[in-house]
Amino acid sequence: MKKHHISFRNIVLLVLALTSTIALAYKQSSNRLPQDSLTVSGRSWNENPSGRMARSAYPVKLSVKGRNLRINSKHEQILPIYTQGGTLYLAIQLTPGVNWLYGLPQGRYHINNRTINIR
């Protein structure tokens, strides 16, 4: 029966090879972006995975004047404004009476289950 002789040099080379392999695997895995805890659909990212958009607590009257939005509210409340894709664009604090939102970029917005066009 042959006796296997492992030298100190062979052990050091084996340890170096294993640690470099582990370090390379760690480096390659750390280059990937971490997974987010939110649900991501295949087509596009949606901030609200349930598909339901928030609304203001009380009804509001909306009218578009150019690129400005006139919001009439009887109560102090927060009004969420969503883009056409369903992502939250802005949440505006309303005061009782007439509120103006100036200079919205052109596009379609969803406000309280209504589609508003800014041209």
PDB file of N, CA and C in Angstrom:
ATOM      1  N   MET A   1       0.830  -1.161   0.000  1.00  0.00           N
ATOM      2  CA  MET A   1       0.000   0.000   0.000  1.00  0.00           C
ATOM      3  C   MET A   1       0.886   1.238   0.000  1.00  0.00           C
ATOM      4  N   LYS A   2       0.523   2.196  -0.896  1.00  0.00           N
ATOM      5  CA  LYS A   2       1.314   3.410  -0.990  1.00  0.00           C
ATOM      6  C   LYS A   2       0.840   4.420   0.048  1.00  0.00           C
ATOM      7  N   LYS A   3       1.777   5.079   0.603  1.00  0.00           N
ATOM      8  CA  LYS A   3       1.468   6.116   1.566  1.00  0.00           C
ATOM      9  C   LYS A   3       1.508   7.455   0.822  1.00  0.00           C
ATOM     10  N   HIS A   4       0.438   8.229   0.939  1.00  0.00           N
ATOM     11  CA  HIS A   4       0.375   9.535   0.281  1.00  0.00           C
ATOM     12  C   HIS A   4       1.066  10.555   1.156  1.00  0.00           C
ATOM     13  N   HIS A   5       1.947  11.282   0.539  1.00  0.00           N
ATOM     14  CA  HIS A   5       2.678  12.300   1.261  1.00  0.00           C
ATOM     15  C   HIS A   5       2.200  13.666   0.791  1.00  0.00           C
ATOM     16  N   ILE A   6       1.613  14.467   1.704  1.00  0.00           N
ATOM     17  CA  ILE A   6       1.155  15.814   1.379  1.00  0.00           C
ATOM     18  C   ILE A   6       2.112  16.788   2.039  1.00  0.00           C
ATOM     19  N   SER A   7       2.722  17.593   1.223  1.00  0.00           N
ATOM     20  CA  SER A   7       3.698  18.533   1.761  1.00  0.00           C
ATOM     21  C   SER A   7       3.010  19.820   2.216  1.00  0.00           C
ATOM     22  N   PHE A   8       3.684  20.571   3.008  1.00  0.00           N
ATOM     23  CA  PHE A   8       3.190  21.853   3.497  1.00  0.00           C
ATOM     24  C   PHE A   8       2.943  22.791   2.329  1.00  0.00           C
ATOM     25  N   ARG A   9       3.790  22.724   1.341  1.00  0.00           N
ATOM     26  CA  ARG A   9       3.648  23.568   0.152  1.00  0.00           C
ATOM     27  C   ARG A   9       2.346  23.263  -0.578  1.00  0.00           C
ATOM     28  N   ASN A  10       1.994  21.984  -0.726  1.00  0.00           N
ATOM     29  CA  ASN A  10       0.755  21.589  -1.391  1.00  0.00           C
ATOM     30  C   ASN A  10      -0.464  22.058  -0.608  1.00  0.00           C
ATOM     31  N   ILE A  11      -0.395  22.030   0.701  1.00  0.00           N
ATOM     32  CA  ILE A  11      -1.512  22.479   1.528  1.00  0.00           C
ATOM     33  C   ILE A  11      -1.707  23.992   1.355  1.00  0.00           C
ATOM     34  N   VAL A  12      -0.631  24.742   1.362  1.00  0.00           N
ATOM     35  CA  VAL A  12      -0.715  26.191   1.174  1.00  0.00           C
ATOM     36  C   VAL A  12      -1.295  26.519  -0.202  1.00  0.00           C
ATOM     37  N   LEU A  13      -0.859  25.823  -1.234  1.00  0.00           N
ATOM     38  CA  LEU A  13      -1.396  26.056  -2.586  1.00  0.00           C
ATOM     39  C   LEU A  13      -2.887  25.729  -2.656  1.00  0.00           C
ATOM     40  N   LEU A  14      -3.291  24.663  -1.995  1.00  0.00           N
ATOM     41  CA  LEU A  14      -4.707  24.278  -1.970  1.00  0.00           C
ATOM     42  C   LEU A  14      -5.546  25.340  -1.262  1.00  0.00           C
ATOM     43  N   VAL A  15      -5.087  25.842  -0.123  1.00  0.00           N
ATOM     44  CA  VAL A  15      -5.808  26.881   0.616  1.00  0.00           C
ATOM     45  C   VAL A  15      -5.893  28.163  -0.209  1.00  0.00           C
ATOM     46  N   LEU A  16      -4.818  28.560  -0.855  1.00  0.00           N
ATOM     47  CA  LEU A  16      -4.835  29.760  -1.695  1.00  0.00           C
ATOM     48  C   LEU A  16      -5.810  29.611  -2.867  1.00  0.00           C
ATOM     49  N   ALA A  17      -5.826  28.444  -3.480  1.00  0.00           N
ATOM     50  CA  ALA A  17      -6.732  28.201  -4.606  1.00  0.00           C
ATOM     51  C   ALA A  17      -8.189  28.284  -4.144  1.00  0.00           C
ATOM     52  N   LEU A  18      -8.513  27.703  -3.001  1.00  0.00           N
ATOM     53  CA  LEU A  18      -9.886  27.735  -2.481  1.00  0.00           C
ATOM     54  C   LEU A  18     -10.305  29.152  -2.112  1.00  0.00           C
ATOM     55  N   THR A  19      -9.438  29.901  -1.425  1.00  0.00           N
ATOM     56  CA  THR A  19      -9.809  31.257  -1.031  1.00  0.00           C
ATOM     57  C   THR A  19      -9.952  32.178  -2.229  1.00  0.00           C
ATOM     58  N   SER A  20      -9.106  32.005  -3.233  1.00  0.00           N
ATOM     59  CA  SER A  20      -9.244  32.856  -4.422  1.00  0.00           C
ATOM     60  C   SER A  20     -10.516  32.521  -5.186  1.00  0.00           C
ATOM     61  N   THR A  21     -10.902  31.260  -5.218  1.00  0.00           N
ATOM     62  CA  THR A  21     -12.152  30.865  -5.872  1.00  0.00           C
ATOM     63  C   THR A  21     -13.348  31.447  -5.133  1.00  0.00           C
ATOM     64  N   ILE A  22     -13.323  31.395  -3.818  1.00  0.00           N
ATOM     65  CA  ILE A  22     -14.413  31.958  -3.016  1.00  0.00           C
ATOM     66  C   ILE A  22     -14.466  33.472  -3.195  1.00  0.00           C
ATOM     67  N   ALA A  23     -13.314  34.133  -3.189  1.00  0.00           N
ATOM     68  CA  ALA A  23     -13.279  35.585  -3.376  1.00  0.00           C
ATOM     69  C   ALA A  23     -13.805  35.987  -4.752  1.00  0.00           C
ATOM     70  N   LEU A  24     -13.466  35.235  -5.778  1.00  0.00           N
ATOM     71  CA  LEU A  24     -13.948  35.526  -7.125  1.00  0.00           C
ATOM     72  C   LEU A  24     -15.464  35.342  -7.208  1.00  0.00           C
ATOM     73  N   ALA A  25     -15.975  34.276  -6.603  1.00  0.00           N
ATOM     74  CA  ALA A  25     -17.423  34.044  -6.602  1.00  0.00           C
ATOM     75  C   ALA A  25     -18.143  35.159  -5.852  1.00  0.00           C
ATOM     76  N   TYR A  26     -17.595  35.620  -4.730  1.00  0.00           N
ATOM     77  CA  TYR A  26     -18.207  36.702  -3.971  1.00  0.00           C
ATOM     78  C   TYR A  26     -18.210  37.993  -4.780  1.00  0.00           C
ATOM     79  N   LYS A  27     -17.110  38.290  -5.467  1.00  0.00           N
ATOM     80  CA  LYS A  27     -17.022  39.506  -6.264  1.00  0.00           C
ATOM     81  C   LYS A  27     -18.045  39.492  -7.391  1.00  0.00           C
ATOM     82  N   GLN A  28     -18.192  38.357  -8.044  1.00  0.00           N
ATOM     83  CA  GLN A  28     -19.153  38.260  -9.139  1.00  0.00           C
ATOM     84  C   GLN A  28     -20.576  38.392  -8.633  1.00  0.00           C
ATOM     85  N   SER A  29     -20.880  37.836  -7.463  1.00  0.00           N
ATOM     86  CA  SER A  29     -22.242  37.919  -6.942  1.00  0.00           C
ATOM     87  C   SER A  29     -22.542  39.304  -6.387  1.00  0.00           C
ATOM     88  N   SER A  30     -21.529  40.029  -5.903  1.00  0.00           N
ATOM     89  CA  SER A  30     -21.777  41.359  -5.358  1.00  0.00           C
ATOM     90  C   SER A  30     -21.946  42.401  -6.449  1.00  0.00           C
ATOM     91  N   ASN A  31     -21.572  42.100  -7.695  1.00  0.00           N
ATOM     92  CA  ASN A  31     -21.765  43.035  -8.799  1.00  0.00           C
ATOM     93  C   ASN A  31     -23.221  43.100  -9.238  1.00  0.00           C
ATOM     94  N   ARG A  32     -23.998  42.088  -8.899  1.00  0.00           N
ATOM     95  CA  ARG A  32     -25.406  42.088  -9.259  1.00  0.00           C
ATOM     96  C   ARG A  32     -26.168  43.038  -8.345  1.00  0.00           C
ATOM     97  N   LEU A  33     -27.232  43.633  -8.878  1.00  0.00           N
ATOM     98  CA  LEU A  33     -28.058  44.513  -8.074  1.00  0.00           C
ATOM     99  C   LEU A  33     -28.849  43.685  -7.075  1.00  0.00           C
ATOM    100  N   PRO A  34     -29.007  44.184  -5.867  1.00  0.00           N
ATOM    101  CA  PRO A  34     -29.802  43.438  -4.884  1.00  0.00           C
ATOM    102  C   PRO A  34     -31.263  43.437  -5.284  1.00  0.00           C
ATOM    103  N   GLN A  35     -31.957  42.370  -4.961  1.00  0.00           N
ATOM    104  CA  GLN A  35     -33.372  42.294  -5.275  1.00  0.00           C
ATOM    105  C   GLN A  35     -34.147  43.203  -4.359  1.00  0.00           C
ATOM    106  N   ASP A  36     -35.127  43.872  -4.913  1.00  0.00           N
ATOM    107  CA  ASP A  36     -35.970  44.762  -4.143  1.00  0.00           C
ATOM    108  C   ASP A  36     -37.071  43.946  -3.484  1.00  0.00           C
ATOM    109  N   SER A  37     -37.613  44.464  -2.398  1.00  0.00           N
ATOM    110  CA  SER A  37     -38.667  43.746  -1.698  1.00  0.00           C
ATOM    111  C   SER A  37     -40.028  43.981  -2.336  1.00  0.00           C
ATOM    112  N   LEU A  38     -40.116  44.947  -3.284  1.00  0.00           N
ATOM    113  CA  LEU A  38     -41.377  45.205  -3.956  1.00  0.00           C
ATOM    114  C   LEU A  38     -41.597  44.224  -5.090  1.00  0.00           C
ATOM    115  N   THR A  39     -42.842  44.019  -5.435  1.00  0.00           N
ATOM    116  CA  THR A  39     -43.179  43.163  -6.559  1.00  0.00           C
ATOM    117  C   THR A  39     -42.889  43.902  -7.851  1.00  0.00           C
ATOM    118  N   VAL A  40     -42.177  43.269  -8.754  1.00  0.00           N
ATOM    119  CA  VAL A  40     -41.852  43.870 -10.034  1.00  0.00           C
ATOM    120  C   VAL A  40     -42.522  43.039 -11.117  1.00  0.00           C
ATOM    121  N   SER A  41     -43.358  43.691 -11.925  1.00  0.00           N
ATOM    122  CA  SER A  41     -44.024  42.965 -12.997  1.00  0.00           C
ATOM    123  C   SER A  41     -43.083  42.837 -14.181  1.00  0.00           C
ATOM    124  N   GLY A  42     -43.430  41.989 -15.121  1.00  0.00           N
ATOM    125  CA  GLY A  42     -42.575  41.754 -16.267  1.00  0.00           C
ATOM    126  C   GLY A  42     -42.507  42.932 -17.217  1.00  0.00           C
ATOM    127  N   ARG A  43     -43.578  43.712 -17.337  1.00  0.00           N
ATOM    128  CA  ARG A  43     -43.601  44.802 -18.306  1.00  0.00           C
ATOM    129  C   ARG A  43     -42.999  46.086 -17.768  1.00  0.00           C
ATOM    130  N   SER A  44     -43.396  46.501 -16.605  1.00  0.00           N
ATOM    131  CA  SER A  44     -42.887  47.752 -16.058  1.00  0.00           C
ATOM    132  C   SER A  44     -43.000  47.729 -14.550  1.00  0.00           C
ATOM    133  N   TRP A  45     -42.246  48.613 -13.916  1.00  0.00           N
ATOM    134  CA  TRP A  45     -42.277  48.694 -12.465  1.00  0.00           C
ATOM    135  C   TRP A  45     -43.482  49.510 -12.060  1.00  0.00           C
ATOM    136  N   ASN A  46     -44.248  49.016 -11.103  1.00  0.00           N
ATOM    137  CA  ASN A  46     -45.420  49.713 -10.615  1.00  0.00           C
ATOM    138  C   ASN A  46     -45.240  49.940  -9.129  1.00  0.00           C
ATOM    139  N   GLU A  47     -45.291  51.190  -8.727  1.00  0.00           N
ATOM    140  CA  GLU A  47     -45.076  51.515  -7.319  1.00  0.00           C
ATOM    141  C   GLU A  47     -46.151  50.923  -6.436  1.00  0.00           C
ATOM    142  N   ASN A  48     -47.330  50.729  -6.969  1.00  0.00           N
ATOM    143  CA  ASN A  48     -48.451  50.220  -6.204  1.00  0.00           C
ATOM    144  C   ASN A  48     -48.801  48.833  -6.723  1.00  0.00           C
ATOM    145  N   PRO A  49     -48.227  47.742  -6.133  1.00  0.00           N
ATOM    146  CA  PRO A  49     -48.408  46.409  -6.689  1.00  0.00           C
ATOM    147  C   PRO A  49     -49.857  45.933  -6.700  1.00  0.00           C
ATOM    148  N   SER A  50     -50.713  46.465  -5.828  1.00  0.00           N
ATOM    149  CA  SER A  50     -52.105  46.027  -5.806  1.00  0.00           C
ATOM    150  C   SER A  50     -52.889  46.587  -6.984  1.00  0.00           C
ATOM    151  N   GLY A  51     -52.343  47.630  -7.653  1.00  0.00           N
ATOM    152  CA  GLY A  51     -53.025  48.221  -8.794  1.00  0.00           C
ATOM    153  C   GLY A  51     -54.056  49.265  -8.391  1.00  0.00           C
ATOM    154  N   ARG A  52     -54.271  49.459  -7.111  1.00  0.00           N
ATOM    155  CA  ARG A  52     -55.260  50.430  -6.645  1.00  0.00           C
ATOM    156  C   ARG A  52     -54.540  51.711  -6.274  1.00  0.00           C
ATOM    157  N   MET A  53     -55.025  52.812  -6.827  1.00  0.00           N
ATOM    158  CA  MET A  53     -54.410  54.100  -6.546  1.00  0.00           C
ATOM    159  C   MET A  53     -55.135  54.759  -5.383  1.00  0.00           C
ATOM    160  N   ALA A  54     -54.372  55.436  -4.538  1.00  0.00           N
ATOM    161  CA  ALA A  54     -54.956  56.141  -3.408  1.00  0.00           C
ATOM    162  C   ALA A  54     -55.761  57.335  -3.904  1.00  0.00           C
ATOM    163  N   ARG A  55     -56.721  57.724  -3.119  1.00  0.00           N
ATOM    164  CA  ARG A  55     -57.561  58.874  -3.441  1.00  0.00           C
ATOM    165  C   ARG A  55     -57.549  59.835  -2.274  1.00  0.00           C
ATOM    166  N   SER A  56     -58.059  61.026  -2.504  1.00  0.00           N
ATOM    167  CA  SER A  56     -58.180  61.983  -1.413  1.00  0.00           C
ATOM    168  C   SER A  56     -59.316  61.531  -0.492  1.00  0.00           C
ATOM    169  N   ALA A  57     -59.264  61.995   0.751  1.00  0.00           N
ATOM    170  CA  ALA A  57     -60.277  61.588   1.734  1.00  0.00           C
ATOM    171  C   ALA A  57     -61.660  62.134   1.386  1.00  0.00           C
ATOM    172  N   TYR A  58     -61.700  63.342   0.835  1.00  0.00           N
ATOM    173  CA  TYR A  58     -62.961  63.987   0.478  1.00  0.00           C
ATOM    174  C   TYR A  58     -62.933  64.333  -1.004  1.00  0.00           C
ATOM    175  N   PRO A  59     -64.115  64.488  -1.633  1.00  0.00           N
ATOM    176  CA  PRO A  59     -64.144  64.813  -3.059  1.00  0.00           C
ATOM    177  C   PRO A  59     -63.538  66.188  -3.353  1.00  0.00           C
ATOM    178  N   VAL A  60     -62.984  66.318  -4.550  1.00  0.00           N
ATOM    179  CA  VAL A  60     -62.425  67.588  -5.020  1.00  0.00           C
ATOM    180  C   VAL A  60     -62.952  67.860  -6.421  1.00  0.00           C
ATOM    181  N   LYS A  61     -62.958  69.141  -6.803  1.00  0.00           N
ATOM    182  CA  LYS A  61     -63.320  69.541  -8.165  1.00  0.00           C
ATOM    183  C   LYS A  61     -62.035  69.945  -8.866  1.00  0.00           C
ATOM    184  N   LEU A  62     -61.811  69.377 -10.055  1.00  0.00           N
ATOM    185  CA  LEU A  62     -60.585  69.616 -10.819  1.00  0.00           C
ATOM    186  C   LEU A  62     -60.915  70.313 -12.128  1.00  0.00           C
ATOM    187  N   SER A  63     -60.066  71.273 -12.500  1.00  0.00           N
ATOM    188  CA  SER A  63     -60.174  71.884 -13.828  1.00  0.00           C
ATOM    189  C   SER A  63     -58.772  72.257 -14.303  1.00  0.00           C
ATOM    190  N   VAL A  64     -58.557  72.099 -15.606  1.00  0.00           N
ATOM    191  CA  VAL A  64     -57.252  72.354 -16.207  1.00  0.00           C
ATOM    192  C   VAL A  64     -57.288  73.708 -16.894  1.00  0.00           C
ATOM    193  N   LYS A  65     -56.281  74.532 -16.608  1.00  0.00           N
ATOM    194  CA  LYS A  65     -56.120  75.842 -17.245  1.00  0.00           C
ATOM    195  C   LYS A  65     -54.709  75.884 -17.819  1.00  0.00           C
ATOM    196  N   GLY A  66     -54.546  75.494 -19.090  1.00  0.00           N
ATOM    197  CA  GLY A  66     -53.219  75.409 -19.711  1.00  0.00           C
ATOM    198  C   GLY A  66     -52.433  74.261 -19.095  1.00  0.00           C
ATOM    199  N   ARG A  67     -51.268  74.583 -18.520  1.00  0.00           N
ATOM    200  CA  ARG A  67     -50.474  73.554 -17.839  1.00  0.00           C
ATOM    201  C   ARG A  67     -50.662  73.626 -16.325  1.00  0.00           C
ATOM    202  N   ASN A  68     -51.703  74.333 -15.894  1.00  0.00           N
ATOM    203  CA  ASN A  68     -51.987  74.492 -14.479  1.00  0.00           C
ATOM    204  C   ASN A  68     -53.257  73.737 -14.105  1.00  0.00           C
ATOM    205  N   LEU A  69     -53.281  73.257 -12.894  1.00  0.00           N
ATOM    206  CA  LEU A  69     -54.427  72.495 -12.412  1.00  0.00           C
ATOM    207  C   LEU A  69     -55.067  73.243 -11.261  1.00  0.00           C
ATOM    208  N   ARG A  70     -56.360  73.519 -11.404  1.00  0.00           N
ATOM    209  CA  ARG A  70     -57.127  74.181 -10.341  1.00  0.00           C
ATOM    210  C   ARG A  70     -57.861  73.098  -9.560  1.00  0.00           C
ATOM    211  N   ILE A  71     -57.637  73.097  -8.248  1.00  0.00           N
ATOM    212  CA  ILE A  71     -58.229  72.075  -7.382  1.00  0.00           C
ATOM    213  C   ILE A  71     -59.065  72.782  -6.327  1.00  0.00           C
ATOM    214  N   ASN A  72     -60.354  72.484  -6.305  1.00  0.00           N
ATOM    215  CA  ASN A  72     -61.256  73.079  -5.333  1.00  0.00           C
ATOM    216  C   ASN A  72     -61.598  72.018  -4.285  1.00  0.00           C
ATOM    217  N   SER A  73     -61.298  72.309  -3.029  1.00  0.00           N
ATOM    218  CA  SER A  73     -61.525  71.351  -1.951  1.00  0.00           C
ATOM    219  C   SER A  73     -62.250  72.039  -0.800  1.00  0.00           C
ATOM    220  N   LYS A  74     -63.154  71.329  -0.164  1.00  0.00           N
ATOM    221  CA  LYS A  74     -63.861  71.872   1.001  1.00  0.00           C
ATOM    222  C   LYS A  74     -63.138  71.539   2.299  1.00  0.00           C
ATOM    223  N   HIS A  75     -62.120  70.663   2.208  1.00  0.00           N
ATOM    224  CA  HIS A  75     -61.441  70.190   3.414  1.00  0.00           C
ATOM    225  C   HIS A  75     -59.923  70.248   3.232  1.00  0.00           C
ATOM    226  N   GLU A  76     -59.207  70.301   4.358  1.00  0.00           N
ATOM    227  CA  GLU A  76     -57.755  70.149   4.330  1.00  0.00           C
ATOM    228  C   GLU A  76     -57.466  68.666   4.172  1.00  0.00           C
ATOM    229  N   GLN A  77     -56.670  68.313   3.162  1.00  0.00           N
ATOM    230  CA  GLN A  77     -56.410  66.905   2.863  1.00  0.00           C
ATOM    231  C   GLN A  77     -55.206  66.778   1.936  1.00  0.00           C
ATOM    232  N   ILE A  78     -54.802  65.542   1.709  1.00  0.00           N
ATOM    233  CA  ILE A  78     -53.705  65.251   0.787  1.00  0.00           C
ATOM    234  C   ILE A  78     -54.302  64.644  -0.478  1.00  0.00           C
ATOM    235  N   LEU A  79     -53.842  65.147  -1.629  1.00  0.00           N
ATOM    236  CA  LEU A  79     -54.324  64.662  -2.923  1.00  0.00           C
ATOM    237  C   LEU A  79     -53.178  63.979  -3.656  1.00  0.00           C
ATOM    238  N   PRO A  80     -53.231  62.651  -3.828  1.00  0.00           N
ATOM    239  CA  PRO A  80     -52.178  61.966  -4.595  1.00  0.00           C
ATOM    240  C   PRO A  80     -52.431  62.104  -6.091  1.00  0.00           C
ATOM    241  N   ILE A  81     -51.344  62.321  -6.842  1.00  0.00           N
ATOM    242  CA  ILE A  81     -51.409  62.461  -8.298  1.00  0.00           C
ATOM    243  C   ILE A  81     -50.502  61.393  -8.901  1.00  0.00           C
ATOM    244  N   TYR A  82     -51.057  60.570  -9.792  1.00  0.00           N
ATOM    245  CA  TYR A  82     -50.327  59.462 -10.409  1.00  0.00           C
ATOM    246  C   TYR A  82     -50.085  59.745 -11.885  1.00  0.00           C
ATOM    247  N   THR A  83     -48.993  59.212 -12.418  1.00  0.00           N
ATOM    248  CA  THR A  83     -48.720  59.318 -13.849  1.00  0.00           C
ATOM    249  C   THR A  83     -49.605  58.328 -14.596  1.00  0.00           C
ATOM    250  N   GLN A  84     -49.557  58.393 -15.912  1.00  0.00           N
ATOM    251  CA  GLN A  84     -50.352  57.482 -16.731  1.00  0.00           C
ATOM    252  C   GLN A  84     -49.978  56.026 -16.459  1.00  0.00           C
ATOM    253  N   GLY A  85     -48.708  55.776 -16.157  1.00  0.00           N
ATOM    254  CA  GLY A  85     -48.245  54.422 -15.885  1.00  0.00           C
ATOM    255  C   GLY A  85     -48.624  53.903 -14.506  1.00  0.00           C
ATOM    256  N   GLY A  86     -49.162  54.754 -13.650  1.00  0.00           N
ATOM    257  CA  GLY A  86     -49.610  54.303 -12.342  1.00  0.00           C
ATOM    258  C   GLY A  86     -48.621  54.543 -11.216  1.00  0.00           C
ATOM    259  N   THR A  87     -47.524  55.264 -11.479  1.00  0.00           N
ATOM    260  CA  THR A  87     -46.581  55.559 -10.399  1.00  0.00           C
ATOM    261  C   THR A  87     -46.949  56.892  -9.762  1.00  0.00           C
ATOM    262  N   LEU A  88     -46.720  56.984  -8.470  1.00  0.00           N
ATOM    263  CA  LEU A  88     -47.041  58.206  -7.746  1.00  0.00           C
ATOM    264  C   LEU A  88     -46.131  59.326  -8.219  1.00  0.00           C
ATOM    265  N   TYR A  89     -46.710  60.417  -8.726  1.00  0.00           N
ATOM    266  CA  TYR A  89     -45.935  61.557  -9.208  1.00  0.00           C
ATOM    267  C   TYR A  89     -45.780  62.602  -8.110  1.00  0.00           C
ATOM    268  N   LEU A  90     -46.868  62.858  -7.382  1.00  0.00           N
ATOM    269  CA  LEU A  90     -46.865  63.936  -6.414  1.00  0.00           C
ATOM    270  C   LEU A  90     -48.010  63.728  -5.429  1.00  0.00           C
ATOM    271  N   ALA A  91     -47.808  64.122  -4.194  1.00  0.00           N
ATOM    272  CA  ALA A  91     -48.881  64.185  -3.211  1.00  0.00           C
ATOM    273  C   ALA A  91     -48.913  65.618  -2.713  1.00  0.00           C
ATOM    274  N   ILE A  92     -50.007  66.304  -2.976  1.00  0.00           N
ATOM    275  CA  ILE A  92     -50.100  67.730  -2.662  1.00  0.00           C
ATOM    276  C   ILE A  92     -51.008  67.928  -1.450  1.00  0.00           C
ATOM    277  N   GLN A  93     -50.576  68.812  -0.547  1.00  0.00           N
ATOM    278  CA  GLN A  93     -51.370  69.166   0.631  1.00  0.00           C
ATOM    279  C   GLN A  93     -52.362  70.246   0.224  1.00  0.00           C
ATOM    280  N   LEU A  94     -53.652  69.969   0.348  1.00  0.00           N
ATOM    281  CA  LEU A  94     -54.688  70.920  -0.027  1.00  0.00           C
ATOM    282  C   LEU A  94     -55.188  71.665   1.198  1.00  0.00           C
ATOM    283  N   THR A  95     -55.543  72.922   0.993  1.00  0.00           N
ATOM    284  CA  THR A  95     -56.216  73.706   2.022  1.00  0.00           C
ATOM    285  C   THR A  95     -57.652  73.910   1.580  1.00  0.00           C
ATOM    286  N   PRO A  96     -58.567  74.208   2.481  1.00  0.00           N
ATOM    287  CA  PRO A  96     -59.945  74.467   2.059  1.00  0.00           C
ATOM    288  C   PRO A  96     -60.000  75.649   1.095  1.00  0.00           C
ATOM    289  N   GLY A  97     -60.742  75.493   0.026  1.00  0.00           N
ATOM    290  CA  GLY A  97     -60.863  76.543  -0.984  1.00  0.00           C
ATOM    291  C   GLY A  97     -60.159  76.146  -2.271  1.00  0.00           C
ATOM    292  N   VAL A  98     -59.703  77.143  -3.016  1.00  0.00           N
ATOM    293  CA  VAL A  98     -59.065  76.923  -4.315  1.00  0.00           C
ATOM    294  C   VAL A  98     -57.558  76.737  -4.121  1.00  0.00           C
ATOM    295  N   ASN A  99     -57.023  75.674  -4.709  1.00  0.00           N
ATOM    296  CA  ASN A  99     -55.585  75.378  -4.706  1.00  0.00           C
ATOM    297  C   ASN A  99     -55.139  75.283  -6.155  1.00  0.00           C
ATOM    298  N   TRP A 100     -53.939  75.795  -6.445  1.00  0.00           N
ATOM    299  CA  TRP A 100     -53.390  75.737  -7.788  1.00  0.00           C
ATOM    300  C   TRP A 100     -52.118  74.909  -7.795  1.00  0.00           C
ATOM    301  N   LEU A 101     -51.965  74.109  -8.836  1.00  0.00           N
ATOM    302  CA  LEU A 101     -50.728  73.362  -9.077  1.00  0.00           C
ATOM    303  C   LEU A 101     -50.214  73.844 -10.429  1.00  0.00           C
ATOM    304  N   TYR A 102     -49.090  74.566 -10.389  1.00  0.00           N
ATOM    305  CA  TYR A 102     -48.567  75.236 -11.591  1.00  0.00           C
ATOM    306  C   TYR A 102     -47.492  74.405 -12.283  1.00  0.00           C
ATOM    307  N   GLY A 103     -47.492  74.494 -13.632  1.00  0.00           N
ATOM    308  CA  GLY A 103     -46.391  73.964 -14.433  1.00  0.00           C
ATOM    309  C   GLY A 103     -46.258  72.461 -14.477  1.00  0.00           C
ATOM    310  N   LEU A 104     -47.347  71.732 -14.504  1.00  0.00           N
ATOM    311  CA  LEU A 104     -47.247  70.282 -14.648  1.00  0.00           C
ATOM    312  C   LEU A 104     -46.696  69.941 -16.030  1.00  0.00           C
ATOM    313  N   PRO A 105     -45.819  68.957 -16.131  1.00  0.00           N
ATOM    314  CA  PRO A 105     -45.350  68.533 -17.458  1.00  0.00           C
ATOM    315  C   PRO A 105     -46.515  67.965 -18.269  1.00  0.00           C
ATOM    316  N   GLN A 106     -46.393  68.082 -19.586  1.00  0.00           N
ATOM    317  CA  GLN A 106     -47.446  67.548 -20.449  1.00  0.00           C
ATOM    318  C   GLN A 106     -47.595  66.053 -20.237  1.00  0.00           C
ATOM    319  N   GLY A 107     -48.827  65.588 -20.318  1.00  0.00           N
ATOM    320  CA  GLY A 107     -49.089  64.166 -20.185  1.00  0.00           C
ATOM    321  C   GLY A 107     -50.434  63.904 -19.554  1.00  0.00           C
ATOM    322  N   ARG A 108     -50.669  62.646 -19.289  1.00  0.00           N
ATOM    323  CA  ARG A 108     -51.906  62.219 -18.638  1.00  0.00           C
ATOM    324  C   ARG A 108     -51.615  61.863 -17.196  1.00  0.00           C
ATOM    325  N   TYR A 109     -52.514  62.263 -16.321  1.00  0.00           N
ATOM    326  CA  TYR A 109     -52.384  61.991 -14.897  1.00  0.00           C
ATOM    327  C   TYR A 109     -53.679  61.362 -14.391  1.00  0.00           C
ATOM    328  N   HIS A 110     -53.550  60.533 -13.386  1.00  0.00           N
ATOM    329  CA  HIS A 110     -54.721  59.931 -12.743  1.00  0.00           C
ATOM    330  C   HIS A 110     -54.873  60.566 -11.368  1.00  0.00           C
ATOM    331  N   ILE A 111     -56.016  61.214 -11.164  1.00  0.00           N
ATOM    332  CA  ILE A 111     -56.306  61.880  -9.901  1.00  0.00           C
ATOM    333  C   ILE A 111     -57.709  61.467  -9.475  1.00  0.00           C
ATOM    334  N   ASN A 112     -57.816  60.814  -8.333  1.00  0.00           N
ATOM    335  CA  ASN A 112     -59.117  60.358  -7.808  1.00  0.00           C
ATOM    336  C   ASN A 112     -59.921  59.578  -8.855  1.00  0.00           C
ATOM    337  N   ASN A 113     -59.282  58.623  -9.490  1.00  0.00           N
ATOM    338  CA  ASN A 113     -59.894  57.762 -10.509  1.00  0.00           C
ATOM    339  C   ASN A 113     -60.378  58.535 -11.737  1.00  0.00           C
ATOM    340  N   ARG A 114     -59.824  59.707 -11.977  1.00  0.00           N
ATOM    341  CA  ARG A 114     -60.113  60.477 -13.187  1.00  0.00           C
ATOM    342  C   ARG A 114     -58.821  60.649 -13.962  1.00  0.00           C
ATOM    343  N   THR A 115     -58.923  60.673 -15.287  1.00  0.00           N
ATOM    344  CA  THR A 115     -57.758  60.935 -16.131  1.00  0.00           C
ATOM    345  C   THR A 115     -57.775  62.409 -16.505  1.00  0.00           C
ATOM    346  N   ILE A 116     -56.676  63.092 -16.205  1.00  0.00           N
ATOM    347  CA  ILE A 116     -56.524  64.515 -16.506  1.00  0.00           C
ATOM    348  C   ILE A 116     -55.447  64.670 -17.553  1.00  0.00           C
ATOM    349  N   ASN A 117     -55.739  65.386 -18.639  1.00  0.00           N
ATOM    350  CA  ASN A 117     -54.767  65.636 -19.717  1.00  0.00           C
ATOM    351  C   ASN A 117     -54.194  67.030 -19.572  1.00  0.00           C
ATOM    352  N   ILE A 118     -52.875  67.121 -19.525  1.00  0.00           N
ATOM    353  CA  ILE A 118     -52.187  68.413 -19.512  1.00  0.00           C
ATOM    354  C   ILE A 118     -51.501  68.555 -20.871  1.00  0.00           C
ATOM    355  N   ARG A 119     -51.833  69.618 -21.609  1.00  0.00           N
ATOM    356  CA  ARG A 119     -51.274  69.825 -22.950  1.00  0.00           C
ATOM    357  C   ARG A 119     -50.392  71.034 -23.007  1.00  0.00           C
TER     358      ARG A 119
END
